[in-house]
Amino acid sequence: MAVGYVERVLQLGETIAYRGKLHWMLMAPGIALTVISGSLSIVAAVKATADLRMGLLGVSLVLFLIGGTMLLRAWLRRLSTEIIVTNRRIILKTGLIGRNSIEMNLDKVESVMVNQGIVGRILDYGTIIIRGVGSGLEPIADVAAPLEFHRQVNGGS
């Protein structure tokens, strides 16, 4: 089994308390476009005249390529993002080939803000903003279970 980035940078005596992840909802736009593409293809095959069929299939192909690209990008973003709370710090790692990692000691965290819209509240995802002493982390969008992340940073268990 491959060892993740976080496991390689843990300090002596440091343990993972919580492992966050990005929510599947970030793939929704790509899913929507590919579903619309499939629907247009079915309409073109079943109901359309010959001229209309070619136009619908062309639009369907374009939507499928755009939706597929969006899905691939979202999947790679989800796969390559690690959001970790240890007993000492918060570690955020993004990137598949190029890597961007940010760490903040828990004793330097002033506040954790959670922003959720209506859909985010229903599906349990949102944006997390971590403010630290003298600085902060960039907003982390589309985090699954952001209130659990907040709870873990502010005291755990």
C-alpha atoms as a PDB file:
ATOM      1  CA  MET A   1       0.000   0.000   0.000  1.00  0.00           C
ATOM      2  CA  ALA A   2       1.320   3.432  -0.952  1.00  0.00           C
ATOM      3  CA  VAL A   3       2.075   5.818   1.881  1.00  0.00           C
ATOM      4  CA  GLY A   4       0.470   9.252   1.517  1.00  0.00           C
ATOM      5  CA  TYR A   5       2.227  12.576   1.829  1.00  0.00           C
ATOM      6  CA  VAL A   6       0.978  13.161   5.356  1.00  0.00           C
ATOM      7  CA  GLU A   7       2.288   9.840   6.655  1.00  0.00           C
ATOM      8  CA  ARG A   8       5.734  10.775   5.328  1.00  0.00           C
ATOM      9  CA  VAL A   9       5.833  14.154   7.133  1.00  0.00           C
ATOM     10  CA  LEU A  10       4.491  13.147  10.540  1.00  0.00           C
ATOM     11  CA  GLN A  11       6.818  14.046  13.372  1.00  0.00           C
ATOM     12  CA  LEU A  12       7.856  11.675  16.136  1.00  0.00           C
ATOM     13  CA  GLY A  13       4.852  11.113  18.424  1.00  0.00           C
ATOM     14  CA  GLU A  14       2.428  12.852  16.067  1.00  0.00           C
ATOM     15  CA  THR A  15      -0.771  10.979  15.194  1.00  0.00           C
ATOM     16  CA  ILE A  16      -3.584  11.628  12.751  1.00  0.00           C
ATOM     17  CA  ALA A  17      -6.736  12.674  14.604  1.00  0.00           C
ATOM     18  CA  TYR A  18      -8.940  13.397  11.604  1.00  0.00           C
ATOM     19  CA  ARG A  19      -8.673  12.919   7.834  1.00  0.00           C
ATOM     20  CA  GLY A  20     -10.910  15.261   5.848  1.00  0.00           C
ATOM     21  CA  LYS A  21     -11.718  15.010   2.178  1.00  0.00           C
ATOM     22  CA  LEU A  22     -13.348  16.963  -0.586  1.00  0.00           C
ATOM     23  CA  HIS A  23     -17.035  16.288  -1.185  1.00  0.00           C
ATOM     24  CA  TRP A  24     -18.253  14.450  -4.287  1.00  0.00           C
ATOM     25  CA  MET A  25     -20.427  17.484  -5.101  1.00  0.00           C
ATOM     26  CA  LEU A  26     -17.479  19.212  -6.777  1.00  0.00           C
ATOM     27  CA  MET A  27     -18.010  16.727  -9.615  1.00  0.00           C
ATOM     28  CA  ALA A  28     -21.694  17.717 -10.041  1.00  0.00           C
ATOM     29  CA  PRO A  29     -21.231  20.162 -12.967  1.00  0.00           C
ATOM     30  CA  GLY A  30     -19.315  17.553 -14.972  1.00  0.00           C
ATOM     31  CA  ILE A  31     -21.892  14.891 -14.131  1.00  0.00           C
ATOM     32  CA  ALA A  32     -24.716  17.228 -15.186  1.00  0.00           C
ATOM     33  CA  LEU A  33     -23.124  17.983 -18.554  1.00  0.00           C
ATOM     34  CA  THR A  34     -22.466  14.327 -19.331  1.00  0.00           C
ATOM     35  CA  VAL A  35     -26.069  13.414 -18.395  1.00  0.00           C
ATOM     36  CA  ILE A  36     -27.396  16.195 -20.636  1.00  0.00           C
ATOM     37  CA  SER A  37     -25.086  14.948 -23.385  1.00  0.00           C
ATOM     38  CA  GLY A  38     -26.445  11.423 -23.042  1.00  0.00           C
ATOM     39  CA  SER A  39     -30.024  12.705 -23.060  1.00  0.00           C
ATOM     40  CA  LEU A  40     -29.417  14.685 -26.258  1.00  0.00           C
ATOM     41  CA  SER A  41     -27.917  11.589 -27.867  1.00  0.00           C
ATOM     42  CA  ILE A  42     -30.989   9.540 -26.985  1.00  0.00           C
ATOM     43  CA  VAL A  43     -33.323  12.243 -28.322  1.00  0.00           C
ATOM     44  CA  ALA A  44     -31.246  12.421 -31.516  1.00  0.00           C
ATOM     45  CA  ALA A  45     -31.419   8.661 -31.998  1.00  0.00           C
ATOM     46  CA  VAL A  46     -35.120   8.267 -31.234  1.00  0.00           C
ATOM     47  CA  LYS A  47     -37.042  11.376 -32.249  1.00  0.00           C
ATOM     48  CA  ALA A  48     -34.962  13.615 -34.503  1.00  0.00           C
ATOM     49  CA  THR A  49     -35.025  14.011 -38.259  1.00  0.00           C
ATOM     50  CA  ALA A  50     -31.776  13.333 -40.131  1.00  0.00           C
ATOM     51  CA  ASP A  51     -30.675  16.989 -40.240  1.00  0.00           C
ATOM     52  CA  LEU A  52     -31.611  17.670 -36.633  1.00  0.00           C
ATOM     53  CA  ARG A  53     -29.963  14.402 -35.559  1.00  0.00           C
ATOM     54  CA  MET A  54     -26.530  15.534 -36.787  1.00  0.00           C
ATOM     55  CA  GLY A  55     -26.866  18.868 -34.986  1.00  0.00           C
ATOM     56  CA  LEU A  56     -27.978  17.245 -31.734  1.00  0.00           C
ATOM     57  CA  LEU A  57     -25.186  14.679 -31.910  1.00  0.00           C
ATOM     58  CA  GLY A  58     -22.642  17.470 -32.491  1.00  0.00           C
ATOM     59  CA  VAL A  59     -23.905  19.423 -29.483  1.00  0.00           C
ATOM     60  CA  SER A  60     -23.989  16.214 -27.475  1.00  0.00           C
ATOM     61  CA  LEU A  61     -20.374  15.450 -28.348  1.00  0.00           C
ATOM     62  CA  VAL A  62     -19.219  18.944 -27.338  1.00  0.00           C
ATOM     63  CA  LEU A  63     -21.115  18.725 -24.025  1.00  0.00           C
ATOM     64  CA  PHE A  64     -19.688  15.258 -23.399  1.00  0.00           C
ATOM     65  CA  LEU A  65     -16.113  16.456 -23.967  1.00  0.00           C
ATOM     66  CA  ILE A  66     -16.575  19.503 -21.735  1.00  0.00           C
ATOM     67  CA  GLY A  67     -18.354  17.462 -19.040  1.00  0.00           C
ATOM     68  CA  GLY A  68     -15.760  14.699 -19.199  1.00  0.00           C
ATOM     69  CA  THR A  69     -12.939  17.205 -18.836  1.00  0.00           C
ATOM     70  CA  MET A  70     -14.688  18.821 -15.865  1.00  0.00           C
ATOM     71  CA  LEU A  71     -15.235  15.421 -14.266  1.00  0.00           C
ATOM     72  CA  LEU A  72     -11.606  14.408 -14.737  1.00  0.00           C
ATOM     73  CA  ARG A  73     -10.321  17.683 -13.254  1.00  0.00           C
ATOM     74  CA  ALA A  74     -12.660  17.408 -10.248  1.00  0.00           C
ATOM     75  CA  TRP A  75     -11.745  13.761  -9.673  1.00  0.00           C
ATOM     76  CA  LEU A  76      -8.010  14.553  -9.830  1.00  0.00           C
ATOM     77  CA  ARG A  77      -8.494  17.480  -7.426  1.00  0.00           C
ATOM     78  CA  ARG A  78     -10.369  15.220  -5.006  1.00  0.00           C
ATOM     79  CA  LEU A  79      -7.772  12.463  -5.345  1.00  0.00           C
ATOM     80  CA  SER A  80      -4.786  14.758  -4.835  1.00  0.00           C
ATOM     81  CA  THR A  81      -6.042  16.766  -1.847  1.00  0.00           C
ATOM     82  CA  GLU A  82      -5.233  15.701   1.710  1.00  0.00           C
ATOM     83  CA  ILE A  83      -6.786  17.589   4.649  1.00  0.00           C
ATOM     84  CA  ILE A  84      -5.422  16.316   7.933  1.00  0.00           C
ATOM     85  CA  VAL A  85      -5.735  17.267  11.584  1.00  0.00           C
ATOM     86  CA  THR A  86      -3.088  15.683  13.783  1.00  0.00           C
ATOM     87  CA  ASN A  87      -2.642  15.981  17.516  1.00  0.00           C
ATOM     88  CA  ARG A  88      -0.248  18.906  16.801  1.00  0.00           C
ATOM     89  CA  ARG A  89      -1.136  20.632  13.518  1.00  0.00           C
ATOM     90  CA  ILE A  90      -3.305  21.010  10.449  1.00  0.00           C
ATOM     91  CA  ILE A  91      -1.804  19.811   7.172  1.00  0.00           C
ATOM     92  CA  LEU A  92      -3.266  20.674   3.765  1.00  0.00           C
ATOM     93  CA  LYS A  93      -1.669  19.117   0.674  1.00  0.00           C
ATOM     94  CA  THR A  94      -2.896  19.740  -2.857  1.00  0.00           C
ATOM     95  CA  GLY A  95      -1.543  18.768  -6.247  1.00  0.00           C
ATOM     96  CA  LEU A  96      -0.867  15.514  -8.028  1.00  0.00           C
ATOM     97  CA  ILE A  97       2.407  16.191  -9.825  1.00  0.00           C
ATOM     98  CA  GLY A  98       3.297  19.613  -8.459  1.00  0.00           C
ATOM     99  CA  ARG A  99       2.702  19.741  -4.725  1.00  0.00           C
ATOM    100  CA  ASN A 100       1.532  22.596  -2.537  1.00  0.00           C
ATOM    101  CA  SER A 101       1.484  21.934   1.187  1.00  0.00           C
ATOM    102  CA  ILE A 102       0.528  24.221   4.034  1.00  0.00           C
ATOM    103  CA  GLU A 103       0.868  23.405   7.716  1.00  0.00           C
ATOM    104  CA  MET A 104      -0.288  25.265  10.800  1.00  0.00           C
ATOM    105  CA  ASN A 105       0.313  24.299  14.405  1.00  0.00           C
ATOM    106  CA  LEU A 106      -2.924  23.852  16.342  1.00  0.00           C
ATOM    107  CA  ASP A 107      -1.755  26.274  19.037  1.00  0.00           C
ATOM    108  CA  LYS A 108      -1.506  28.989  16.324  1.00  0.00           C
ATOM    109  CA  VAL A 109      -5.131  28.562  15.172  1.00  0.00           C
ATOM    110  CA  GLU A 110      -7.306  31.509  16.225  1.00  0.00           C
ATOM    111  CA  SER A 111     -10.521  30.450  14.516  1.00  0.00           C
ATOM    112  CA  VAL A 112     -12.053  28.061  12.029  1.00  0.00           C
ATOM    113  CA  MET A 113     -14.903  29.459   9.955  1.00  0.00           C
ATOM    114  CA  VAL A 114     -17.330  27.287   8.035  1.00  0.00           C
ATOM    115  CA  ASN A 115     -19.390  28.682   5.164  1.00  0.00           C
ATOM    116  CA  GLN A 116     -22.273  26.546   3.896  1.00  0.00           C
ATOM    117  CA  GLY A 117     -25.095  27.424   1.555  1.00  0.00           C
ATOM    118  CA  ILE A 118     -28.466  25.696   1.597  1.00  0.00           C
ATOM    119  CA  VAL A 119     -27.319  22.836  -0.658  1.00  0.00           C
ATOM    120  CA  GLY A 120     -24.110  22.538   1.381  1.00  0.00           C
ATOM    121  CA  ARG A 121     -26.102  22.209   4.593  1.00  0.00           C
ATOM    122  CA  ILE A 122     -28.331  19.544   3.070  1.00  0.00           C
ATOM    123  CA  LEU A 123     -25.461  17.532   1.531  1.00  0.00           C
ATOM    124  CA  ASP A 124     -22.939  18.298   4.321  1.00  0.00           C
ATOM    125  CA  TYR A 125     -20.184  20.185   2.524  1.00  0.00           C
ATOM    126  CA  GLY A 126     -18.808  23.701   2.608  1.00  0.00           C
ATOM    127  CA  THR A 127     -15.839  26.036   2.629  1.00  0.00           C
ATOM    128  CA  ILE A 128     -13.438  26.165   5.555  1.00  0.00           C
ATOM    129  CA  ILE A 129     -11.378  29.238   6.393  1.00  0.00           C
ATOM    130  CA  ILE A 130      -8.669  28.841   9.045  1.00  0.00           C
ATOM    131  CA  ARG A 131      -7.338  31.984  10.708  1.00  0.00           C
ATOM    132  CA  GLY A 132      -4.050  31.732  12.522  1.00  0.00           C
ATOM    133  CA  VAL A 133      -1.866  34.020  14.577  1.00  0.00           C
ATOM    134  CA  GLY A 134      -0.529  36.548  12.065  1.00  0.00           C
ATOM    135  CA  SER A 135      -1.789  34.653   9.017  1.00  0.00           C
ATOM    136  CA  GLY A 136      -4.329  32.182   7.772  1.00  0.00           C
ATOM    137  CA  LEU A 137      -4.902  29.444   5.271  1.00  0.00           C
ATOM    138  CA  GLU A 138      -6.601  30.060   1.949  1.00  0.00           C
ATOM    139  CA  PRO A 139     -10.258  29.049   1.911  1.00  0.00           C
ATOM    140  CA  ILE A 140     -10.637  25.322   1.289  1.00  0.00           C
ATOM    141  CA  ALA A 141     -13.762  24.835  -0.819  1.00  0.00           C
ATOM    142  CA  ASP A 142     -15.972  21.751  -1.168  1.00  0.00           C
ATOM    143  CA  VAL A 143     -14.857  20.077   2.064  1.00  0.00           C
ATOM    144  CA  ALA A 144     -17.032  17.147   3.147  1.00  0.00           C
ATOM    145  CA  ALA A 145     -18.306  17.302   6.747  1.00  0.00           C
ATOM    146  CA  PRO A 146     -16.866  20.768   7.488  1.00  0.00           C
ATOM    147  CA  LEU A 147     -18.443  20.947  10.947  1.00  0.00           C
ATOM    148  CA  GLU A 148     -16.675  17.722  11.938  1.00  0.00           C
ATOM    149  CA  PHE A 149     -13.393  19.237  10.739  1.00  0.00           C
ATOM    150  CA  HIS A 150     -14.172  22.340  12.828  1.00  0.00           C
ATOM    151  CA  ARG A 151     -14.901  20.161  15.859  1.00  0.00           C
ATOM    152  CA  GLN A 152     -11.645  18.224  15.472  1.00  0.00           C
ATOM    153  CA  VAL A 153      -9.545  21.393  15.232  1.00  0.00           C
ATOM    154  CA  ASN A 154     -11.275  22.907  18.262  1.00  0.00           C
ATOM    155  CA  GLY A 155     -10.824  20.034  20.638  1.00  0.00           C
ATOM    156  CA  GLY A 156     -11.461  16.727  18.912  1.00  0.00           C
ATOM    157  CA  SER A 157     -13.291  13.663  20.127  1.00  0.00           C
END
